[in-house]
Structures are given as structure tokens and as C-alpha cells.
Amino acid sequence: SGGGLVQPGGSLRLSCAAAGFTFINYAMGWYR
């Protein structure tokens, strides 16, 4: 979540809620 329309030079903060596994055991990544 957290996406949207932003002008060049602007900022956004994306969030990822994870469930169903032991989160602390895994490296996580963002992709596009």
C-alpha cells in the first residue's frame, strides 16, 4: 500500500504487510 500520483521530486512511503510466515527469519525485498 501507499502508492499514488506524485510530481517529480516528490516523495512517497510504501508499506508492505506480511503474514503467514516467521517474518524475522527472512530478508525482504521491494521490486517494481
PDB file of all heavy atoms in Angstrom:
ATOM      1  N   SER A   1       0.842  -1.192   0.000  1.00  0.00           N
ATOM      2  CA  SER A   1       0.000   0.000   0.000  1.00  0.00           C
ATOM      3  C   SER A   1       0.877   1.242   0.000  1.00  0.00           C
ATOM      4  O   SER A   1       2.099   1.142   0.198  1.00  0.00           O
ATOM      5  CB  SER A   1      -0.924   0.006   1.216  1.00  0.00           C
ATOM      6  OG  SER A   1      -0.160   0.040   2.413  1.00  0.00           O
ATOM      7  N   GLY A   2       0.250   2.391  -0.219  1.00  0.00           N
ATOM      8  CA  GLY A   2       0.967   3.651  -0.127  1.00  0.00           C
ATOM      9  C   GLY A   2       1.295   4.313  -1.449  1.00  0.00           C
ATOM     10  O   GLY A   2       1.846   5.418  -1.461  1.00  0.00           O
ATOM     11  N   GLY A   3       0.993   3.658  -2.543  1.00  0.00           N
ATOM     12  CA  GLY A   3       1.283   4.250  -3.839  1.00  0.00           C
ATOM     13  C   GLY A   3       0.351   5.407  -4.156  1.00  0.00           C
ATOM     14  O   GLY A   3      -0.577   5.713  -3.400  1.00  0.00           O
ATOM     15  N   GLY A   4       0.615   6.052  -5.280  1.00  0.00           N
ATOM     16  CA  GLY A   4      -0.221   7.165  -5.700  1.00  0.00           C
ATOM     17  C   GLY A   4       0.419   7.959  -6.803  1.00  0.00           C
ATOM     18  O   GLY A   4       1.426   7.539  -7.380  1.00  0.00           O
ATOM     19  N   LEU A   5      -0.170   9.108  -7.073  1.00  0.00           N
ATOM     20  CA  LEU A   5       0.340  10.024  -8.089  1.00  0.00           C
ATOM     21  C   LEU A   5       1.124  11.125  -7.389  1.00  0.00           C
ATOM     22  O   LEU A   5       0.612  11.754  -6.446  1.00  0.00           O
ATOM     23  CB  LEU A   5      -0.822  10.619  -8.879  1.00  0.00           C
ATOM     24  CG  LEU A   5      -0.485  11.744  -9.873  1.00  0.00           C
ATOM     25  CD1 LEU A   5       0.431  11.221 -10.974  1.00  0.00           C
ATOM     26  CD2 LEU A   5      -1.767  12.324 -10.456  1.00  0.00           C
ATOM     27  N   VAL A   6       2.331  11.362  -7.850  1.00  0.00           N
ATOM     28  CA  VAL A   6       3.183  12.371  -7.235  1.00  0.00           C
ATOM     29  C   VAL A   6       3.956  13.097  -8.331  1.00  0.00           C
ATOM     30  O   VAL A   6       4.261  12.505  -9.379  1.00  0.00           O
ATOM     31  CB  VAL A   6       4.134  11.727  -6.202  1.00  0.00           C
ATOM     32  CG1 VAL A   6       5.087  10.742  -6.862  1.00  0.00           C
ATOM     33  CG2 VAL A   6       4.882  12.770  -5.406  1.00  0.00           C
ATOM     34  N   GLN A   7       4.256  14.353  -8.099  1.00  0.00           N
ATOM     35  CA  GLN A   7       5.031  15.127  -9.063  1.00  0.00           C
ATOM     36  C   GLN A   7       6.509  14.752  -8.973  1.00  0.00           C
ATOM     37  O   GLN A   7       6.980  14.308  -7.918  1.00  0.00           O
ATOM     38  CB  GLN A   7       4.859  16.613  -8.801  1.00  0.00           C
ATOM     39  CG  GLN A   7       3.462  17.136  -9.107  1.00  0.00           C
ATOM     40  CD  GLN A   7       3.376  18.646  -9.017  1.00  0.00           C
ATOM     41  OE1 GLN A   7       4.222  19.298  -8.412  1.00  0.00           O
ATOM     42  NE2 GLN A   7       2.350  19.208  -9.626  1.00  0.00           N
ATOM     43  N   PRO A   8       7.250  14.958 -10.052  1.00  0.00           N
ATOM     44  CA  PRO A   8       8.696  14.724  -9.994  1.00  0.00           C
ATOM     45  C   PRO A   8       9.317  15.523  -8.852  1.00  0.00           C
ATOM     46  O   PRO A   8       8.963  16.688  -8.627  1.00  0.00           O
ATOM     47  CB  PRO A   8       9.177  15.220 -11.350  1.00  0.00           C
ATOM     48  CG  PRO A   8       8.014  15.010 -12.253  1.00  0.00           C
ATOM     49  CD  PRO A   8       6.807  15.312 -11.416  1.00  0.00           C
ATOM     50  N   GLY A   9      10.230  14.876  -8.136  1.00  0.00           N
ATOM     51  CA  GLY A   9      10.847  15.483  -6.973  1.00  0.00           C
ATOM     52  C   GLY A   9      10.115  15.217  -5.678  1.00  0.00           C
ATOM     53  O   GLY A   9      10.629  15.517  -4.591  1.00  0.00           O
ATOM     54  N   GLY A  10       8.936  14.657  -5.773  1.00  0.00           N
ATOM     55  CA  GLY A  10       8.140  14.380  -4.592  1.00  0.00           C
ATOM     56  C   GLY A  10       8.539  13.098  -3.884  1.00  0.00           C
ATOM     57  O   GLY A  10       9.501  12.425  -4.271  1.00  0.00           O
ATOM     58  N   SER A  11       7.776  12.760  -2.844  1.00  0.00           N
ATOM     59  CA  SER A  11       8.074  11.590  -2.019  1.00  0.00           C
ATOM     60  C   SER A  11       6.828  10.745  -1.794  1.00  0.00           C
ATOM     61  O   SER A  11       5.703  11.260  -1.813  1.00  0.00           O
ATOM     62  CB  SER A  11       8.610  12.032  -0.645  1.00  0.00           C
ATOM     63  OG  SER A  11       9.826  12.743  -0.768  1.00  0.00           O
ATOM     64  N   LEU A  12       7.058   9.480  -1.589  1.00  0.00           N
ATOM     65  CA  LEU A  12       6.021   8.539  -1.177  1.00  0.00           C
ATOM     66  C   LEU A  12       6.638   7.527  -0.230  1.00  0.00           C
ATOM     67  O   LEU A  12       7.838   7.241  -0.323  1.00  0.00           O
ATOM     68  CB  LEU A  12       5.428   7.788  -2.380  1.00  0.00           C
ATOM     69  CG  LEU A  12       4.424   8.502  -3.272  1.00  0.00           C
ATOM     70  CD1 LEU A  12       4.099   7.621  -4.481  1.00  0.00           C
ATOM     71  CD2 LEU A  12       3.153   8.849  -2.519  1.00  0.00           C
ATOM     72  N   ARG A  13       5.815   6.974   0.641  1.00  0.00           N
ATOM     73  CA  ARG A  13       6.264   5.897   1.507  1.00  0.00           C
ATOM     74  C   ARG A  13       5.365   4.686   1.275  1.00  0.00           C
ATOM     75  O   ARG A  13       4.160   4.752   1.548  1.00  0.00           O
ATOM     76  CB  ARG A  13       6.203   6.305   2.974  1.00  0.00           C
ATOM     77  CG  ARG A  13       6.834   5.267   3.907  1.00  0.00           C
ATOM     78  CD  ARG A  13       6.479   5.550   5.348  1.00  0.00           C
ATOM     79  NE  ARG A  13       7.299   4.780   6.284  1.00  0.00           N
ATOM     80  CZ  ARG A  13       6.880   4.395   7.491  1.00  0.00           C
ATOM     81  NH1 ARG A  13       5.665   4.718   7.900  1.00  0.00           N
ATOM     82  NH2 ARG A  13       7.681   3.709   8.288  1.00  0.00           N
ATOM     83  N   LEU A  14       5.959   3.623   0.797  1.00  0.00           N
ATOM     84  CA  LEU A  14       5.233   2.388   0.561  1.00  0.00           C
ATOM     85  C   LEU A  14       5.325   1.491   1.796  1.00  0.00           C
ATOM     86  O   LEU A  14       6.331   1.488   2.499  1.00  0.00           O
ATOM     87  CB  LEU A  14       5.789   1.643  -0.643  1.00  0.00           C
ATOM     88  CG  LEU A  14       5.881   2.423  -1.952  1.00  0.00           C
ATOM     89  CD1 LEU A  14       6.358   1.502  -3.072  1.00  0.00           C
ATOM     90  CD2 LEU A  14       4.558   3.068  -2.300  1.00  0.00           C
ATOM     91  N   SER A  15       4.266   0.733   2.017  1.00  0.00           N
ATOM     92  CA  SER A  15       4.227  -0.214   3.122  1.00  0.00           C
ATOM     93  C   SER A  15       3.888  -1.604   2.598  1.00  0.00           C
ATOM     94  O   SER A  15       3.150  -1.738   1.622  1.00  0.00           O
ATOM     95  CB  SER A  15       3.181   0.197   4.158  1.00  0.00           C
ATOM     96  OG  SER A  15       3.467   1.458   4.715  1.00  0.00           O
ATOM     97  N   CYS A  16       4.407  -2.604   3.271  1.00  0.00           N
ATOM     98  CA  CYS A  16       4.104  -3.996   2.934  1.00  0.00           C
ATOM     99  C   CYS A  16       3.791  -4.725   4.226  1.00  0.00           C
ATOM    100  O   CYS A  16       4.648  -4.818   5.111  1.00  0.00           O
ATOM    101  CB  CYS A  16       5.276  -4.640   2.220  1.00  0.00           C
ATOM    102  SG  CYS A  16       5.129  -6.436   2.018  1.00  0.00           S
ATOM    103  N   ALA A  17       2.573  -5.227   4.331  1.00  0.00           N
ATOM    104  CA  ALA A  17       2.163  -6.015   5.485  1.00  0.00           C
ATOM    105  C   ALA A  17       2.342  -7.486   5.163  1.00  0.00           C
ATOM    106  O   ALA A  17       1.789  -7.975   4.162  1.00  0.00           O
ATOM    107  CB  ALA A  17       0.722  -5.708   5.836  1.00  0.00           C
ATOM    108  N   ALA A  18       3.108  -8.186   5.982  1.00  0.00           N
ATOM    109  CA  ALA A  18       3.426  -9.590   5.730  1.00  0.00           C
ATOM    110  C   ALA A  18       2.774 -10.485   6.774  1.00  0.00           C
ATOM    111  O   ALA A  18       2.695 -10.118   7.952  1.00  0.00           O
ATOM    112  CB  ALA A  18       4.936  -9.792   5.755  1.00  0.00           C
ATOM    113  N   ALA A  19       2.307 -11.636   6.340  1.00  0.00           N
ATOM    114  CA  ALA A  19       1.680 -12.584   7.255  1.00  0.00           C
ATOM    115  C   ALA A  19       1.846 -14.000   6.732  1.00  0.00           C
ATOM    116  O   ALA A  19       2.083 -14.209   5.537  1.00  0.00           O
ATOM    117  CB  ALA A  19       0.196 -12.254   7.411  1.00  0.00           C
ATOM    118  N   GLY A  20       1.753 -14.965   7.642  1.00  0.00           N
ATOM    119  CA  GLY A  20       1.771 -16.365   7.242  1.00  0.00           C
ATOM    120  C   GLY A  20       3.130 -17.018   7.291  1.00  0.00           C
ATOM    121  O   GLY A  20       3.277 -18.180   6.868  1.00  0.00           O
ATOM    122  N   PHE A  21       4.140 -16.309   7.774  1.00  0.00           N
ATOM    123  CA  PHE A  21       5.471 -16.889   7.905  1.00  0.00           C
ATOM    124  C   PHE A  21       6.183 -16.172   9.048  1.00  0.00           C
ATOM    125  O   PHE A  21       5.724 -15.136   9.533  1.00  0.00           O
ATOM    126  CB  PHE A  21       6.260 -16.771   6.602  1.00  0.00           C
ATOM    127  CG  PHE A  21       6.501 -15.360   6.135  1.00  0.00           C
ATOM    128  CD1 PHE A  21       7.712 -14.731   6.355  1.00  0.00           C
ATOM    129  CD2 PHE A  21       5.509 -14.661   5.451  1.00  0.00           C
ATOM    130  CE1 PHE A  21       7.939 -13.430   5.914  1.00  0.00           C
ATOM    131  CE2 PHE A  21       5.712 -13.364   5.010  1.00  0.00           C
ATOM    132  CZ  PHE A  21       6.933 -12.743   5.252  1.00  0.00           C
ATOM    133  N   THR A  22       7.317 -16.724   9.467  1.00  0.00           N
ATOM    134  CA  THR A  22       8.084 -16.121  10.559  1.00  0.00           C
ATOM    135  C   THR A  22       8.917 -14.996   9.986  1.00  0.00           C
ATOM    136  O   THR A  22      10.017 -15.208   9.470  1.00  0.00           O
ATOM    137  CB  THR A  22       8.955 -17.172  11.256  1.00  0.00           C
ATOM    138  OG1 THR A  22       8.131 -18.262  11.683  1.00  0.00           O
ATOM    139  CG2 THR A  22       9.644 -16.565  12.478  1.00  0.00           C
ATOM    140  N   PHE A  23       8.370 -13.809  10.065  1.00  0.00           N
ATOM    141  CA  PHE A  23       8.901 -12.642   9.363  1.00  0.00           C
ATOM    142  C   PHE A  23      10.373 -12.394   9.666  1.00  0.00           C
ATOM    143  O   PHE A  23      11.158 -12.136   8.746  1.00  0.00           O
ATOM    144  CB  PHE A  23       8.065 -11.422   9.764  1.00  0.00           C
ATOM    145  CG  PHE A  23       8.450 -10.148   9.081  1.00  0.00           C
ATOM    146  CD1 PHE A  23       8.096  -9.909   7.766  1.00  0.00           C
ATOM    147  CD2 PHE A  23       9.162  -9.169   9.771  1.00  0.00           C
ATOM    148  CE1 PHE A  23       8.440  -8.729   7.133  1.00  0.00           C
ATOM    149  CE2 PHE A  23       9.510  -7.979   9.150  1.00  0.00           C
ATOM    150  CZ  PHE A  23       9.149  -7.757   7.833  1.00  0.00           C
ATOM    151  N   ILE A  24      10.758 -12.506  10.904  1.00  0.00           N
ATOM    152  CA  ILE A  24      12.115 -12.151  11.300  1.00  0.00           C
ATOM    153  C   ILE A  24      13.147 -13.090  10.689  1.00  0.00           C
ATOM    154  O   ILE A  24      14.330 -12.769  10.639  1.00  0.00           O
ATOM    155  CB  ILE A  24      12.235 -12.110  12.838  1.00  0.00           C
ATOM    156  CG1 ILE A  24      13.497 -11.346  13.267  1.00  0.00           C
ATOM    157  CG2 ILE A  24      12.222 -13.529  13.416  1.00  0.00           C
ATOM    158  CD1 ILE A  24      13.556 -11.055  14.751  1.00  0.00           C
ATOM    159  N   ASN A  25      12.736 -14.227  10.183  1.00  0.00           N
ATOM    160  CA  ASN A  25      13.668 -15.192   9.605  1.00  0.00           C
ATOM    161  C   ASN A  25      14.048 -14.895   8.156  1.00  0.00           C
ATOM    162  O   ASN A  25      14.922 -15.572   7.596  1.00  0.00           O
ATOM    163  CB  ASN A  25      13.084 -16.606   9.663  1.00  0.00           C
ATOM    164  CG  ASN A  25      13.075 -17.167  11.076  1.00  0.00           C
ATOM    165  OD1 ASN A  25      13.665 -16.594  11.990  1.00  0.00           O
ATOM    166  ND2 ASN A  25      12.403 -18.287  11.246  1.00  0.00           N
ATOM    167  N   TYR A  26      13.381 -13.920   7.542  1.00  0.00           N
ATOM    168  CA  TYR A  26      13.540 -13.694   6.109  1.00  0.00           C
ATOM    169  C   TYR A  26      14.042 -12.300   5.776  1.00  0.00           C
ATOM    170  O   TYR A  26      13.593 -11.296   6.354  1.00  0.00           O
ATOM    171  CB  TYR A  26      12.211 -13.921   5.385  1.00  0.00           C
ATOM    172  CG  TYR A  26      11.803 -15.364   5.338  1.00  0.00           C
ATOM    173  CD1 TYR A  26      11.089 -15.940   6.397  1.00  0.00           C
ATOM    174  CD2 TYR A  26      12.141 -16.174   4.261  1.00  0.00           C
ATOM    175  CE1 TYR A  26      10.726 -17.281   6.365  1.00  0.00           C
ATOM    176  CE2 TYR A  26      11.783 -17.512   4.220  1.00  0.00           C
ATOM    177  CZ  TYR A  26      11.076 -18.048   5.274  1.00  0.00           C
ATOM    178  OH  TYR A  26      10.726 -19.375   5.238  1.00  0.00           O
ATOM    179  N   ALA A  27      14.962 -12.255   4.800  1.00  0.00           N
ATOM    180  CA  ALA A  27      15.269 -10.994   4.140  1.00  0.00           C
ATOM    181  C   ALA A  27      14.090 -10.655   3.246  1.00  0.00           C
ATOM    182  O   ALA A  27      13.457 -11.549   2.671  1.00  0.00           O
ATOM    183  CB  ALA A  27      16.547 -11.111   3.328  1.00  0.00           C
ATOM    184  N   MET A  28      13.810  -9.367   3.130  1.00  0.00           N
ATOM    185  CA  MET A  28      12.669  -8.915   2.329  1.00  0.00           C
ATOM    186  C   MET A  28      13.134  -7.944   1.254  1.00  0.00           C
ATOM    187  O   MET A  28      14.134  -7.236   1.429  1.00  0.00           O
ATOM    188  CB  MET A  28      11.634  -8.237   3.226  1.00  0.00           C
ATOM    189  CG  MET A  28      11.031  -9.144   4.287  1.00  0.00           C
ATOM    190  SD  MET A  28      10.047 -10.480   3.593  1.00  0.00           S
ATOM    191  CE  MET A  28       8.692  -9.563   2.844  1.00  0.00           C
ATOM    192  N   GLY A  29      12.387  -7.901   0.181  1.00  0.00           N
ATOM    193  CA  GLY A  29      12.762  -7.021  -0.910  1.00  0.00           C
ATOM    194  C   GLY A  29      11.585  -6.275  -1.494  1.00  0.00           C
ATOM    195  O   GLY A  29      10.434  -6.698  -1.341  1.00  0.00           O
ATOM    196  N   TRP A  30      11.907  -5.170  -2.132  1.00  0.00           N
ATOM    197  CA  TRP A  30      10.940  -4.435  -2.949  1.00  0.00           C
ATOM    198  C   TRP A  30      11.345  -4.599  -4.418  1.00  0.00           C
ATOM    199  O   TRP A  30      12.540  -4.571  -4.746  1.00  0.00           O
ATOM    200  CB  TRP A  30      10.915  -2.952  -2.589  1.00  0.00           C
ATOM    201  CG  TRP A  30      10.130  -2.642  -1.350  1.00  0.00           C
ATOM    202  CD1 TRP A  30      10.621  -2.458  -0.090  1.00  0.00           C
ATOM    203  CD2 TRP A  30       8.720  -2.465  -1.255  1.00  0.00           C
ATOM    204  NE1 TRP A  30       9.590  -2.190   0.785  1.00  0.00           N
ATOM    205  CE2 TRP A  30       8.415  -2.189   0.095  1.00  0.00           C
ATOM    206  CE3 TRP A  30       7.663  -2.510  -2.167  1.00  0.00           C
ATOM    207  CZ2 TRP A  30       7.112  -1.953   0.549  1.00  0.00           C
ATOM    208  CZ3 TRP A  30       6.377  -2.290  -1.716  1.00  0.00           C
ATOM    209  CH2 TRP A  30       6.110  -2.004  -0.385  1.00  0.00           C
ATOM    210  N   TYR A  31      10.333  -4.729  -5.254  1.00  0.00           N
ATOM    211  CA  TYR A  31      10.526  -4.918  -6.680  1.00  0.00           C
ATOM    212  C   TYR A  31       9.541  -4.007  -7.397  1.00  0.00           C
ATOM    213  O   TYR A  31       8.572  -3.523  -6.794  1.00  0.00           O
ATOM    214  CB  TYR A  31      10.254  -6.375  -7.067  1.00  0.00           C
ATOM    215  CG  TYR A  31      11.077  -7.368  -6.299  1.00  0.00           C
ATOM    216  CD1 TYR A  31      10.717  -7.746  -5.007  1.00  0.00           C
ATOM    217  CD2 TYR A  31      12.240  -7.923  -6.837  1.00  0.00           C
ATOM    218  CE1 TYR A  31      11.486  -8.648  -4.273  1.00  0.00           C
ATOM    219  CE2 TYR A  31      13.005  -8.830  -6.119  1.00  0.00           C
ATOM    220  CZ  TYR A  31      12.618  -9.176  -4.840  1.00  0.00           C
ATOM    221  OH  TYR A  31      13.383 -10.065  -4.117  1.00  0.00           O
ATOM    222  N   ARG A  32       9.776  -3.786  -8.695  1.00  0.00           N
ATOM    223  CA  ARG A  32       8.818  -2.983  -9.447  1.00  0.00           C
ATOM    224  C   ARG A  32       8.706  -3.508 -10.880  1.00  0.00           C
ATOM    225  O   ARG A  32       9.624  -4.151 -11.385  1.00  0.00           O
ATOM    226  CB  ARG A  32       9.208  -1.513  -9.446  1.00  0.00           C
ATOM    227  CG  ARG A  32      10.529  -1.194 -10.118  1.00  0.00           C
ATOM    228  CD  ARG A  32      10.903   0.273  -9.868  1.00  0.00           C
ATOM    229  NE  ARG A  32      12.191   0.616 -10.478  1.00  0.00           N
ATOM    230  CZ  ARG A  32      12.801   1.779 -10.310  1.00  0.00           C
ATOM    231  NH1 ARG A  32      12.246   2.719  -9.541  1.00  0.00           N
ATOM    232  NH2 ARG A  32      13.954   2.030 -10.910  1.00  0.00           N
TER     233      ARG A  32
END
